[in-house]
């Protein structure tokens, strides 16, 4: 079985529903990932530019700037 290395991997979770964001954060942190969060597309762009996460999990239906345009 291949070992997965998650210790240094940063994931940006972009989700406007707090319950969904919390569930995703807890599940990913439990697997050892470092989690950043954003609640709308504009915030996601700002966080991504500043923090440079390796992975972005982007909701497409977001306020202010949707996930398609943010991506």
Protein backbone atom coordinates (compact mmCIF):
# COMPACT_ATOMS: atom_id res chain seq x y z
CA UNK A 1 0.00 0.00 0.00
CA UNK A 2 1.33 3.46 -0.92
CA UNK A 3 1.82 5.89 1.95
CA UNK A 4 0.11 9.28 1.58
CA UNK A 5 2.07 12.30 2.79
CA UNK A 6 -0.24 15.02 4.07
CA UNK A 7 1.77 16.80 6.76
CA UNK A 8 2.92 19.71 4.62
CA UNK A 9 -0.04 19.86 2.26
CA UNK A 10 -2.20 22.96 2.55
CA UNK A 11 -5.78 22.90 1.26
CA UNK A 12 -7.97 25.94 0.76
CA UNK A 13 -11.64 25.06 1.34
CA UNK A 14 -13.95 27.59 -0.31
CA UNK A 15 -17.50 27.10 0.94
CA UNK A 16 -20.19 29.58 1.96
CA UNK A 17 -22.21 27.18 4.14
CA UNK A 18 -20.62 27.07 7.59
CA UNK A 19 -21.78 23.51 8.39
CA UNK A 20 -20.31 22.14 5.17
CA UNK A 21 -17.08 24.07 5.65
CA UNK A 22 -16.75 22.80 9.22
CA UNK A 23 -17.36 19.18 8.18
CA UNK A 24 -14.79 19.41 5.40
CA UNK A 25 -12.22 21.09 7.67
CA UNK A 26 -12.61 18.50 10.42
CA UNK A 27 -12.42 15.56 8.01
CA UNK A 28 -9.32 16.93 6.27
CA UNK A 29 -7.55 17.98 9.47
CA UNK A 30 -8.21 14.49 10.82
CA UNK A 31 -6.20 13.20 7.84
CA UNK A 32 -3.31 15.54 8.65
CA UNK A 33 -3.88 18.38 6.15
CA UNK A 34 -3.36 22.06 6.97
CA UNK A 35 -6.64 23.84 6.15
CA UNK A 36 -7.34 27.41 5.05
CA UNK A 37 -10.90 28.62 4.58
CA UNK A 38 -12.75 31.23 2.54
CA UNK A 39 -16.49 31.95 2.43
CA UNK A 40 -16.78 33.66 -0.98
CA UNK A 41 -14.92 33.89 -4.26
CA UNK A 42 -13.25 37.24 -3.58
CA UNK A 43 -11.88 36.02 -0.27
CA UNK A 44 -10.74 32.78 -1.94
CA UNK A 45 -8.68 34.68 -4.51
CA UNK A 46 -7.07 36.80 -1.77
CA UNK A 47 -6.21 33.78 0.39
CA UNK A 48 -4.92 31.75 -2.58
CA UNK A 49 -2.65 34.56 -3.75
CA UNK A 50 -1.28 35.16 -0.24
CA UNK A 51 -0.94 31.56 1.01
CA UNK A 52 -0.39 29.54 -2.21
CA UNK A 53 -2.18 26.32 -1.14
CA UNK A 54 -1.34 23.10 -2.96
CA UNK A 55 -5.03 22.19 -3.36
CA UNK A 56 -8.18 24.30 -3.61
CA UNK A 57 -11.61 22.75 -3.05
CA UNK A 58 -13.91 25.33 -4.63
CA UNK A 59 -17.67 25.59 -4.29
CA UNK A 60 -19.03 26.89 -7.60
CA UNK A 61 -22.11 28.69 -6.29
CA UNK A 62 -20.63 31.42 -4.07
CA UNK A 63 -21.63 34.96 -3.12
CA UNK A 64 -19.78 38.06 -4.42
CA UNK A 65 -17.68 36.14 -6.97
CA UNK A 66 -18.74 32.65 -8.04
CA UNK A 67 -16.39 29.68 -8.06
CA UNK A 68 -16.05 29.65 -11.86
CA UNK A 69 -14.83 33.25 -11.98
CA UNK A 70 -12.66 32.85 -8.88
CA UNK A 71 -10.98 29.81 -10.43
